[in-house]
Every structure is written in C-alpha cells, then in structure tokens.
Amino acid sequence: MDIAHLLMKTKEINISVGICTFEELNEEQKTVVEKAIEATQNSYSPYSHFKVGACVMLANGRTVIGANQENAAYPVGLCAERTAIFAAQSQHPDQPITHLAIAARNTSGELVSQPISPCGSCRQVILEIEERYNHPIEILLYGTEHIYVVRSVKDLLPLCFEKTDMDA
C-alpha cells in the first residue's frame, strides 16, 4: 500500500435524494413535471434526437419552460435547464426559482424510464441562482419508473465552486 495513502485524510460526502412516483408529488411538483414533459416537444435536437424539457417555478407561482436547442456547431447549443432558467431570469429578475423539473425523450421519442441529471454547466448555473437569491431550488428529475427529488443543487454538486471561494 502506498505510504501517501496511509497519511491522507478523507472526507465523506453524503447526499439524500428522494425517490417517488408522480402520484406522490404535491400539486406544485406535479405542475413543473408536467410542463417539463410538455417542453420536450419544443426541443430542437436534429443531431442527438434526445429531447429534453425543463420547467422552473418562480416564488410567485409562475412557470417558465425551456427545451434543449442544438446546432451543427455543437458548442453553441444550449441545454433545456439553462434555456428555462435564463428565460425566467430575463423576464422575472425579481423572482427566485423554487422548483426545477427536467424530463427527456429518448431517440425513439419515448419518455426516458430513468431520471436524467443536469450536466456540469447547468449545475453551476443552478448554483449561481441559488446563491443569487439565497434560496435552494428543489430539483425534480423525471423518469417514467420513478422521480428523483433533490432539495438543492449542492446535493448534485458536492465540493462546488461558490462565489465565497473567490474571497478565500
């Protein structure tokens, strides 16, 4: 065994993720999930054929949807989560986001059975929104078999880079 490994301290990170069915959600959660599913139809994904929809709910109860938008020059496309968040922030900058739901359709056009999770870029954007409003965003990751319910993006992004890290 390597001596450096014996001297190394470790930090254990635990997260809690709720797992439920659609029927077990409350009305607000059902609303954002249903709208995220509907938003998959707005996806422009001629290259991946993977249609992702997202819906955010604002503190005032309004909802804003987004869908992934692809481009032949892949880096200039945008994920569903960020289209929804950026639209909400540009139209309602005074309203914190309370919920975010994400749903997807596979290349056959069927809703995915297992929940999908936001990419790293989307996770960082969600983190910035949580910090901006000092309010966690409940994230609902939809799959037909079950839904993951996460209380904050920090559970999806442990050891995250926060604005306070720049002051350290």
N, C-alpha and C. Protein backbone atom coordinates (compact mmCIF):
# COMPACT_ATOMS: atom_id res chain seq x y z
N MET A 1 0.84 -1.18 0.00
CA MET A 1 0.00 0.00 0.00
C MET A 1 0.89 1.25 0.00
N ASP A 2 0.49 2.24 -0.72
CA ASP A 2 1.24 3.49 -0.84
C ASP A 2 1.22 4.26 0.48
N ILE A 3 2.39 4.73 0.94
CA ILE A 3 2.51 5.45 2.22
C ILE A 3 1.71 6.76 2.20
N ALA A 4 1.67 7.43 1.05
CA ALA A 4 0.91 8.69 0.96
C ALA A 4 -0.57 8.43 1.25
N HIS A 5 -1.07 7.29 0.79
CA HIS A 5 -2.48 6.95 1.02
C HIS A 5 -2.75 6.76 2.51
N LEU A 6 -1.81 6.20 3.24
CA LEU A 6 -1.99 5.99 4.67
C LEU A 6 -2.04 7.30 5.44
N LEU A 7 -1.34 8.32 4.95
CA LEU A 7 -1.30 9.61 5.63
C LEU A 7 -2.42 10.55 5.23
N MET A 8 -3.11 10.20 4.17
CA MET A 8 -4.15 11.08 3.64
C MET A 8 -5.40 11.06 4.51
N LYS A 9 -5.92 12.22 4.79
CA LYS A 9 -7.21 12.33 5.47
C LYS A 9 -8.29 12.18 4.43
N THR A 10 -9.45 11.78 4.85
CA THR A 10 -10.57 11.66 3.92
C THR A 10 -11.77 12.42 4.47
N LYS A 11 -12.61 12.81 3.55
CA LYS A 11 -13.85 13.49 3.90
C LYS A 11 -14.97 12.72 3.22
N GLU A 12 -15.94 12.30 4.00
CA GLU A 12 -17.05 11.57 3.44
C GLU A 12 -18.17 12.55 3.12
N ILE A 13 -18.75 12.41 1.94
CA ILE A 13 -19.83 13.29 1.50
C ILE A 13 -21.06 12.43 1.27
N ASN A 14 -22.14 12.77 1.95
CA ASN A 14 -23.40 12.05 1.80
C ASN A 14 -24.47 12.99 1.28
N ILE A 15 -25.30 12.48 0.41
CA ILE A 15 -26.43 13.27 -0.07
C ILE A 15 -27.71 12.45 0.11
N SER A 16 -28.79 13.14 0.14
CA SER A 16 -30.09 12.49 0.27
C SER A 16 -30.92 12.84 -0.96
N VAL A 17 -31.41 11.82 -1.63
CA VAL A 17 -32.24 12.01 -2.81
C VAL A 17 -33.55 11.26 -2.58
N GLY A 18 -34.66 11.98 -2.69
CA GLY A 18 -35.95 11.33 -2.57
C GLY A 18 -36.28 10.59 -3.86
N ILE A 19 -36.95 9.48 -3.73
CA ILE A 19 -37.39 8.70 -4.89
C ILE A 19 -38.88 8.47 -4.72
N CYS A 20 -39.65 8.89 -5.73
CA CYS A 20 -41.10 8.75 -5.61
C CYS A 20 -41.73 8.54 -6.98
N THR A 21 -43.03 8.35 -6.97
CA THR A 21 -43.79 8.26 -8.21
C THR A 21 -44.48 9.61 -8.44
N PHE A 22 -44.99 9.79 -9.64
CA PHE A 22 -45.69 11.03 -9.96
C PHE A 22 -46.85 11.27 -9.00
N GLU A 23 -47.58 10.21 -8.66
CA GLU A 23 -48.75 10.34 -7.80
C GLU A 23 -48.39 10.83 -6.40
N GLU A 24 -47.17 10.60 -5.97
CA GLU A 24 -46.74 11.01 -4.63
C GLU A 24 -46.30 12.48 -4.55
N LEU A 25 -46.21 13.15 -5.68
CA LEU A 25 -45.81 14.56 -5.69
C LEU A 25 -46.94 15.46 -5.22
N ASN A 26 -46.57 16.65 -4.70
CA ASN A 26 -47.61 17.64 -4.38
C ASN A 26 -48.00 18.37 -5.66
N GLU A 27 -48.98 19.27 -5.58
CA GLU A 27 -49.51 19.92 -6.79
C GLU A 27 -48.46 20.78 -7.51
N GLU A 28 -47.66 21.54 -6.76
CA GLU A 28 -46.61 22.34 -7.40
C GLU A 28 -45.61 21.45 -8.14
N GLN A 29 -45.20 20.37 -7.50
CA GLN A 29 -44.25 19.44 -8.11
C GLN A 29 -44.84 18.81 -9.37
N LYS A 30 -46.10 18.40 -9.29
CA LYS A 30 -46.77 17.81 -10.47
C LYS A 30 -46.82 18.81 -11.62
N THR A 31 -47.11 20.06 -11.30
CA THR A 31 -47.19 21.10 -12.34
C THR A 31 -45.87 21.25 -13.08
N VAL A 32 -44.77 21.38 -12.35
CA VAL A 32 -43.48 21.58 -13.03
C VAL A 32 -43.05 20.34 -13.80
N VAL A 33 -43.35 19.15 -13.29
CA VAL A 33 -43.01 17.92 -14.01
C VAL A 33 -43.84 17.83 -15.29
N GLU A 34 -45.15 18.07 -15.20
CA GLU A 34 -45.99 18.01 -16.40
C GLU A 34 -45.53 19.00 -17.46
N LYS A 35 -45.17 20.21 -17.04
CA LYS A 35 -44.73 21.21 -18.00
C LYS A 35 -43.35 20.88 -18.57
N ALA A 36 -42.50 20.24 -17.80
CA ALA A 36 -41.20 19.81 -18.32
C ALA A 36 -41.40 18.73 -19.39
N ILE A 37 -42.33 17.82 -19.13
CA ILE A 37 -42.65 16.79 -20.12
C ILE A 37 -43.18 17.43 -21.40
N GLU A 38 -44.10 18.38 -21.26
CA GLU A 38 -44.63 19.10 -22.43
C GLU A 38 -43.52 19.83 -23.17
N ALA A 39 -42.58 20.41 -22.44
CA ALA A 39 -41.49 21.19 -23.05
C ALA A 39 -40.58 20.33 -23.92
N THR A 40 -40.56 19.01 -23.68
CA THR A 40 -39.71 18.16 -24.54
C THR A 40 -40.14 18.28 -26.00
N GLN A 41 -41.40 18.62 -26.24
CA GLN A 41 -41.89 18.77 -27.61
C GLN A 41 -41.30 20.00 -28.30
N ASN A 42 -40.75 20.94 -27.52
CA ASN A 42 -40.16 22.16 -28.08
C ASN A 42 -38.67 22.01 -28.37
N SER A 43 -38.14 20.83 -28.11
CA SER A 43 -36.72 20.58 -28.33
C SER A 43 -36.37 20.69 -29.82
N TYR A 44 -35.24 21.31 -30.09
CA TYR A 44 -34.67 21.29 -31.44
C TYR A 44 -33.40 20.46 -31.32
N SER A 45 -33.52 19.17 -31.66
CA SER A 45 -32.41 18.24 -31.47
C SER A 45 -32.21 17.35 -32.69
N PRO A 46 -31.92 17.96 -33.85
CA PRO A 46 -31.78 17.17 -35.07
C PRO A 46 -30.52 16.30 -35.11
N TYR A 47 -29.60 16.50 -34.18
CA TYR A 47 -28.34 15.74 -34.20
C TYR A 47 -28.36 14.60 -33.18
N SER A 48 -28.72 14.89 -31.95
CA SER A 48 -28.75 13.84 -30.92
C SER A 48 -30.09 13.10 -30.90
N HIS A 49 -31.15 13.76 -31.33
CA HIS A 49 -32.52 13.22 -31.26
C HIS A 49 -32.91 12.91 -29.82
N PHE A 50 -32.26 13.56 -28.87
CA PHE A 50 -32.55 13.41 -27.44
C PHE A 50 -33.22 14.69 -27.00
N LYS A 51 -34.51 14.62 -26.76
CA LYS A 51 -35.33 15.80 -26.49
C LYS A 51 -35.46 16.02 -24.98
N VAL A 52 -34.97 17.16 -24.52
CA VAL A 52 -35.02 17.47 -23.09
C VAL A 52 -35.88 18.70 -22.87
N GLY A 53 -36.72 18.63 -21.85
CA GLY A 53 -37.55 19.76 -21.47
C GLY A 53 -37.34 20.08 -20.01
N ALA A 54 -37.50 21.34 -19.68
CA ALA A 54 -37.35 21.78 -18.29
C ALA A 54 -38.43 22.80 -17.98
N CYS A 55 -38.78 22.88 -16.72
CA CYS A 55 -39.72 23.88 -16.25
C CYS A 55 -39.24 24.39 -14.91
N VAL A 56 -39.24 25.71 -14.76
CA VAL A 56 -38.95 26.30 -13.46
C VAL A 56 -40.22 26.94 -12.92
N MET A 57 -40.36 26.88 -11.60
CA MET A 57 -41.44 27.59 -10.93
C MET A 57 -40.81 28.70 -10.11
N LEU A 58 -41.38 29.87 -10.23
CA LEU A 58 -40.88 31.03 -9.50
C LEU A 58 -41.61 31.16 -8.17
N ALA A 59 -41.07 31.97 -7.29
CA ALA A 59 -41.67 32.16 -5.96
C ALA A 59 -43.11 32.66 -6.05
N ASN A 60 -43.45 33.40 -7.12
CA ASN A 60 -44.82 33.91 -7.26
C ASN A 60 -45.75 32.89 -7.92
N GLY A 61 -45.27 31.67 -8.18
CA GLY A 61 -46.10 30.62 -8.74
C GLY A 61 -46.07 30.52 -10.26
N ARG A 62 -45.49 31.51 -10.92
CA ARG A 62 -45.40 31.46 -12.39
C ARG A 62 -44.43 30.36 -12.80
N THR A 63 -44.66 29.82 -13.99
CA THR A 63 -43.76 28.80 -14.54
C THR A 63 -43.19 29.29 -15.86
N VAL A 64 -41.98 28.84 -16.14
CA VAL A 64 -41.29 29.16 -17.40
C VAL A 64 -40.67 27.85 -17.87
N ILE A 65 -40.85 27.54 -19.15
CA ILE A 65 -40.30 26.30 -19.69
C ILE A 65 -39.09 26.58 -20.58
N GLY A 66 -38.34 25.52 -20.83
CA GLY A 66 -37.21 25.57 -21.75
C GLY A 66 -37.03 24.21 -22.38
N ALA A 67 -36.34 24.16 -23.49
CA ALA A 67 -36.04 22.90 -24.18
C ALA A 67 -34.64 23.00 -24.78
N ASN A 68 -33.98 21.85 -24.91
CA ASN A 68 -32.64 21.89 -25.48
C ASN A 68 -32.68 22.35 -26.93
N GLN A 69 -31.66 23.12 -27.30
CA GLN A 69 -31.56 23.69 -28.65
C GLN A 69 -30.17 23.37 -29.20
N GLU A 70 -30.13 22.52 -30.22
CA GLU A 70 -28.85 22.09 -30.79
C GLU A 70 -28.49 22.92 -32.02
N ASN A 71 -27.25 22.79 -32.40
CA ASN A 71 -26.72 23.48 -33.56
C ASN A 71 -25.63 22.60 -34.14
N ALA A 72 -25.43 22.67 -35.45
CA ALA A 72 -24.39 21.85 -36.09
C ALA A 72 -23.02 22.12 -35.47
N ALA A 73 -22.79 23.33 -35.01
CA ALA A 73 -21.57 23.65 -34.26
C ALA A 73 -21.90 23.39 -32.79
N TYR A 74 -21.77 22.12 -32.36
CA TYR A 74 -22.25 21.67 -31.05
C TYR A 74 -22.02 22.62 -29.88
N PRO A 75 -20.90 23.25 -29.74
CA PRO A 75 -20.73 24.07 -28.53
C PRO A 75 -21.70 25.24 -28.41
N VAL A 76 -22.38 25.62 -29.48
CA VAL A 76 -23.27 26.77 -29.38
C VAL A 76 -24.72 26.38 -29.08
N GLY A 77 -24.98 25.09 -28.85
CA GLY A 77 -26.31 24.67 -28.43
C GLY A 77 -26.49 25.00 -26.95
N LEU A 78 -27.69 24.76 -26.45
CA LEU A 78 -27.96 25.06 -25.05
C LEU A 78 -28.92 24.02 -24.47
N CYS A 79 -28.67 23.66 -23.23
CA CYS A 79 -29.49 22.68 -22.52
C CYS A 79 -30.84 23.27 -22.13
N ALA A 80 -31.80 22.38 -21.91
CA ALA A 80 -33.16 22.79 -21.53
C ALA A 80 -33.17 23.56 -20.21
N GLU A 81 -32.37 23.10 -19.26
CA GLU A 81 -32.35 23.73 -17.95
C GLU A 81 -31.93 25.20 -18.05
N ARG A 82 -30.88 25.44 -18.82
CA ARG A 82 -30.39 26.81 -18.94
C ARG A 82 -31.33 27.67 -19.76
N THR A 83 -32.00 27.12 -20.78
CA THR A 83 -32.95 27.95 -21.53
C THR A 83 -34.09 28.39 -20.62
N ALA A 84 -34.57 27.48 -19.77
CA ALA A 84 -35.65 27.83 -18.84
C ALA A 84 -35.19 28.85 -17.80
N ILE A 85 -34.02 28.60 -17.21
CA ILE A 85 -33.51 29.50 -16.17
C ILE A 85 -33.23 30.88 -16.74
N PHE A 86 -32.56 30.95 -17.89
CA PHE A 86 -32.22 32.25 -18.46
C PHE A 86 -33.47 33.01 -18.89
N ALA A 87 -34.46 32.30 -19.43
CA ALA A 87 -35.72 32.96 -19.80
C ALA A 87 -36.41 33.51 -18.55
N ALA A 88 -36.45 32.71 -17.50
CA ALA A 88 -37.10 33.16 -16.26
C ALA A 88 -36.38 34.37 -15.68
N GLN A 89 -35.06 34.34 -15.66
CA GLN A 89 -34.30 35.44 -15.08
C GLN A 89 -34.39 36.71 -15.91
N SER A 90 -34.48 36.57 -17.24
CA SER A 90 -34.58 37.77 -18.08
C SER A 90 -35.98 38.38 -18.03
N GLN A 91 -37.00 37.56 -17.81
CA GLN A 91 -38.38 38.06 -17.77
C GLN A 91 -38.87 38.40 -16.36
N HIS A 92 -38.28 37.75 -15.35
CA HIS A 92 -38.74 37.93 -13.97
C HIS A 92 -37.53 38.00 -13.03
N PRO A 93 -36.67 38.99 -13.19
CA PRO A 93 -35.43 39.03 -12.42
C PRO A 93 -35.61 39.21 -10.92
N ASP A 94 -36.79 39.61 -10.49
CA ASP A 94 -37.03 39.81 -9.06
C ASP A 94 -37.58 38.56 -8.38
N GLN A 95 -37.75 37.48 -9.13
CA GLN A 95 -38.37 36.28 -8.58
C GLN A 95 -37.37 35.13 -8.46
N PRO A 96 -37.17 34.61 -7.25
CA PRO A 96 -36.33 33.42 -7.12
C PRO A 96 -37.02 32.20 -7.72
N ILE A 97 -36.23 31.25 -8.13
CA ILE A 97 -36.74 29.98 -8.63
C ILE A 97 -36.87 29.04 -7.43
N THR A 98 -38.03 28.41 -7.31
CA THR A 98 -38.26 27.49 -6.19
C THR A 98 -38.17 26.02 -6.60
N HIS A 99 -38.55 25.72 -7.85
CA HIS A 99 -38.54 24.35 -8.35
C HIS A 99 -37.97 24.32 -9.76
N LEU A 100 -37.34 23.21 -10.10
CA LEU A 100 -36.87 22.94 -11.46
C LEU A 100 -37.14 21.48 -11.75
N ALA A 101 -37.88 21.20 -12.82
CA ALA A 101 -38.13 19.82 -13.25
C ALA A 101 -37.48 19.60 -14.61
N ILE A 102 -36.95 18.39 -14.80
CA ILE A 102 -36.29 18.02 -16.05
C ILE A 102 -36.86 16.69 -16.52
N ALA A 103 -37.23 16.62 -17.79
CA ALA A 103 -37.74 15.40 -18.41
C ALA A 103 -37.07 15.23 -19.77
N ALA A 104 -37.07 14.01 -20.28
CA ALA A 104 -36.43 13.77 -21.58
C ALA A 104 -37.13 12.65 -22.34
N ARG A 105 -36.96 12.72 -23.65
CA ARG A 105 -37.42 11.66 -24.55
C ARG A 105 -36.20 11.07 -25.23
N ASN A 106 -36.16 9.76 -25.33
CA ASN A 106 -35.02 9.09 -25.95
C ASN A 106 -35.08 9.22 -27.47
N THR A 107 -34.13 8.61 -28.15
CA THR A 107 -34.05 8.75 -29.61
C THR A 107 -35.24 8.11 -30.31
N SER A 108 -36.02 7.27 -29.61
CA SER A 108 -37.25 6.70 -30.16
C SER A 108 -38.45 7.59 -29.92
N GLY A 109 -38.24 8.69 -29.18
CA GLY A 109 -39.33 9.62 -28.89
C GLY A 109 -40.12 9.28 -27.64
N GLU A 110 -39.71 8.24 -26.92
CA GLU A 110 -40.41 7.84 -25.70
C GLU A 110 -39.79 8.54 -24.49
N LEU A 111 -40.61 8.83 -23.50
CA LEU A 111 -40.08 9.40 -22.25
C LEU A 111 -39.11 8.39 -21.64
N VAL A 112 -37.99 8.90 -21.12
CA VAL A 112 -36.98 8.01 -20.54
C VAL A 112 -37.53 7.35 -19.28
N SER A 113 -37.13 6.10 -19.05
CA SER A 113 -37.61 5.38 -17.87
C SER A 113 -36.86 5.79 -16.61
N GLN A 114 -35.57 6.14 -16.76
CA GLN A 114 -34.75 6.54 -15.62
C GLN A 114 -34.53 8.06 -15.66
N PRO A 115 -34.55 8.72 -14.51
CA PRO A 115 -34.33 10.17 -14.48
C PRO A 115 -32.98 10.55 -15.07
N ILE A 116 -32.95 11.70 -15.75
CA ILE A 116 -31.68 12.25 -16.22
C ILE A 116 -31.30 13.40 -15.30
N SER A 117 -30.02 13.68 -15.26
CA SER A 117 -29.50 14.68 -14.36
C SER A 117 -28.87 15.82 -15.16
N PRO A 118 -28.85 17.04 -14.62
CA PRO A 118 -28.25 18.17 -15.35
C PRO A 118 -26.75 17.99 -15.54
N CYS A 119 -26.24 18.52 -16.63
CA CYS A 119 -24.81 18.50 -16.90
C CYS A 119 -24.09 19.44 -15.93
N GLY A 120 -22.78 19.41 -15.95
CA GLY A 120 -21.98 20.25 -15.05
C GLY A 120 -22.22 21.74 -15.26
N SER A 121 -22.34 22.17 -16.50
CA SER A 121 -22.58 23.59 -16.77
C SER A 121 -23.92 24.03 -16.20
N CYS A 122 -24.94 23.21 -16.37
CA CYS A 122 -26.26 23.54 -15.83
C CYS A 122 -26.23 23.55 -14.31
N ARG A 123 -25.52 22.61 -13.72
CA ARG A 123 -25.42 22.56 -12.26
C ARG A 123 -24.80 23.85 -11.72
N GLN A 124 -23.77 24.35 -12.41
CA GLN A 124 -23.12 25.59 -11.97
C GLN A 124 -24.09 26.77 -12.09
N VAL A 125 -24.86 26.82 -13.16
CA VAL A 125 -25.84 27.90 -13.34
C VAL A 125 -26.90 27.83 -12.24
N ILE A 126 -27.39 26.63 -11.94
CA ILE A 126 -28.39 26.48 -10.88
C ILE A 126 -27.81 26.94 -9.55
N LEU A 127 -26.56 26.58 -9.29
CA LEU A 127 -25.88 27.01 -8.06
C LEU A 127 -25.84 28.53 -7.96
N GLU A 128 -25.50 29.20 -9.05
CA GLU A 128 -25.44 30.67 -9.04
C GLU A 128 -26.81 31.27 -8.75
N ILE A 129 -27.88 30.66 -9.25
CA ILE A 129 -29.23 31.16 -8.99
C ILE A 129 -29.59 30.95 -7.52
N GLU A 130 -29.24 29.79 -6.99
CA GLU A 130 -29.48 29.56 -5.55
C GLU A 130 -28.75 30.61 -4.71
N GLU A 131 -27.51 30.90 -5.06
CA GLU A 131 -26.73 31.88 -4.31
C GLU A 131 -27.29 33.29 -4.50
N ARG A 132 -27.68 33.61 -5.73
CA ARG A 132 -28.19 34.96 -6.03
C ARG A 132 -29.37 35.32 -5.13
N TYR A 133 -30.27 34.35 -4.94
CA TYR A 133 -31.48 34.61 -4.16
C TYR A 133 -31.42 34.03 -2.75
N ASN A 134 -30.28 33.39 -2.42
CA ASN A 134 -30.12 32.76 -1.12
C ASN A 134 -31.31 31.84 -0.81
N HIS A 135 -31.64 31.00 -1.82
CA HIS A 135 -32.81 30.13 -1.71
C HIS A 135 -32.53 28.83 -2.47
N PRO A 136 -32.67 27.68 -1.81
CA PRO A 136 -32.45 26.43 -2.53
C PRO A 136 -33.52 26.20 -3.58
N ILE A 137 -33.15 25.49 -4.62
CA ILE A 137 -34.08 25.13 -5.69
C ILE A 137 -34.32 23.62 -5.59
N GLU A 138 -35.57 23.24 -5.40
CA GLU A 138 -35.90 21.81 -5.41
C GLU A 138 -35.85 21.33 -6.85
N ILE A 139 -35.12 20.25 -7.09
CA ILE A 139 -34.93 19.73 -8.44
C ILE A 139 -35.65 18.39 -8.55
N LEU A 140 -36.50 18.27 -9.57
CA LEU A 140 -37.24 17.04 -9.82
C LEU A 140 -36.75 16.44 -11.13
N LEU A 141 -36.17 15.27 -11.06
CA LEU A 141 -35.61 14.59 -12.22
C LEU A 141 -36.57 13.47 -12.59
N TYR A 142 -37.24 13.63 -13.74
CA TYR A 142 -38.34 12.73 -14.11
C TYR A 142 -37.88 11.52 -14.91
N GLY A 143 -38.41 10.38 -14.53
CA GLY A 143 -38.32 9.14 -15.31
C GLY A 143 -39.67 8.45 -15.17
N THR A 144 -40.06 7.66 -16.14
CA THR A 144 -41.37 7.02 -16.06
C THR A 144 -41.44 6.00 -14.92
N GLU A 145 -40.30 5.41 -14.54
CA GLU A 145 -40.29 4.45 -13.45
C GLU A 145 -40.32 5.11 -12.08
N HIS A 146 -39.64 6.24 -11.96
CA HIS A 146 -39.63 6.99 -10.71
C HIS A 146 -39.06 8.39 -10.95
N ILE A 147 -39.20 9.21 -9.93
CA ILE A 147 -38.72 10.59 -9.99
C ILE A 147 -37.76 10.79 -8.83
N TYR A 148 -36.61 11.41 -9.11
CA TYR A 148 -35.70 11.80 -8.04
C TYR A 148 -36.06 13.22 -7.61
N VAL A 149 -36.12 13.45 -6.31
CA VAL A 149 -36.37 14.78 -5.77
C VAL A 149 -35.15 15.17 -4.95
N VAL A 150 -34.52 16.27 -5.37
CA VAL A 150 -33.29 16.74 -4.74
C VAL A 150 -33.57 18.11 -4.14
N ARG A 151 -33.19 18.33 -2.90
CA ARG A 151 -33.57 19.56 -2.20
C ARG A 151 -32.75 20.79 -2.61
N SER A 152 -31.56 20.57 -3.18
CA SER A 152 -30.71 21.69 -3.61
C SER A 152 -29.69 21.16 -4.61
N VAL A 153 -29.24 22.02 -5.51
CA VAL A 153 -28.22 21.60 -6.47
C VAL A 153 -26.92 21.22 -5.76
N LYS A 154 -26.72 21.70 -4.54
CA LYS A 154 -25.49 21.34 -3.80
C LYS A 154 -25.44 19.85 -3.53
N ASP A 155 -26.59 19.19 -3.54
CA ASP A 155 -26.60 17.73 -3.40
C ASP A 155 -26.14 17.06 -4.69
N LEU A 156 -26.28 17.73 -5.82
CA LEU A 156 -25.80 17.19 -7.10
C LEU A 156 -24.39 17.67 -7.42
N LEU A 157 -23.93 18.65 -6.67
CA LEU A 157 -22.65 19.28 -6.97
C LEU A 157 -21.84 19.46 -5.68
N PRO A 158 -21.48 18.32 -5.03
CA PRO A 158 -20.70 18.47 -3.80
C PRO A 158 -19.34 19.09 -4.10
N LEU A 159 -18.76 19.74 -3.12
CA LEU A 159 -17.49 20.45 -3.29
C LEU A 159 -17.57 21.47 -4.42
N CYS A 160 -18.71 22.15 -4.50
CA CYS A 160 -18.96 23.10 -5.57
C CYS A 160 -18.10 24.37 -5.43
N PHE A 161 -17.91 25.04 -6.54
CA PHE A 161 -17.19 26.31 -6.58
C PHE A 161 -18.22 27.42 -6.42
N GLU A 162 -18.15 28.12 -5.28
CA GLU A 162 -19.11 29.17 -4.97
C GLU A 162 -18.41 30.53 -4.99
N LYS A 163 -19.21 31.59 -5.04
CA LYS A 163 -18.62 32.93 -5.08
C LYS A 163 -17.77 33.20 -3.84
N THR A 164 -18.11 32.60 -2.71
CA THR A 164 -17.30 32.79 -1.50
C THR A 164 -15.91 32.18 -1.65
N ASP A 165 -15.75 31.23 -2.56
CA ASP A 165 -14.43 30.64 -2.81
C ASP A 165 -13.45 31.67 -3.38
N MET A 166 -13.96 32.69 -4.03
CA MET A 166 -13.09 33.71 -4.61
C MET A 166 -12.55 34.66 -3.55
N ASP A 167 -13.18 34.65 -2.35
CA ASP A 167 -12.74 35.50 -1.26
C ASP A 167 -11.78 34.76 -0.32
N ALA A 168 -11.66 33.47 -0.51
CA ALA A 168 -10.84 32.66 0.41
C ALA A 168 -9.36 32.96 0.29
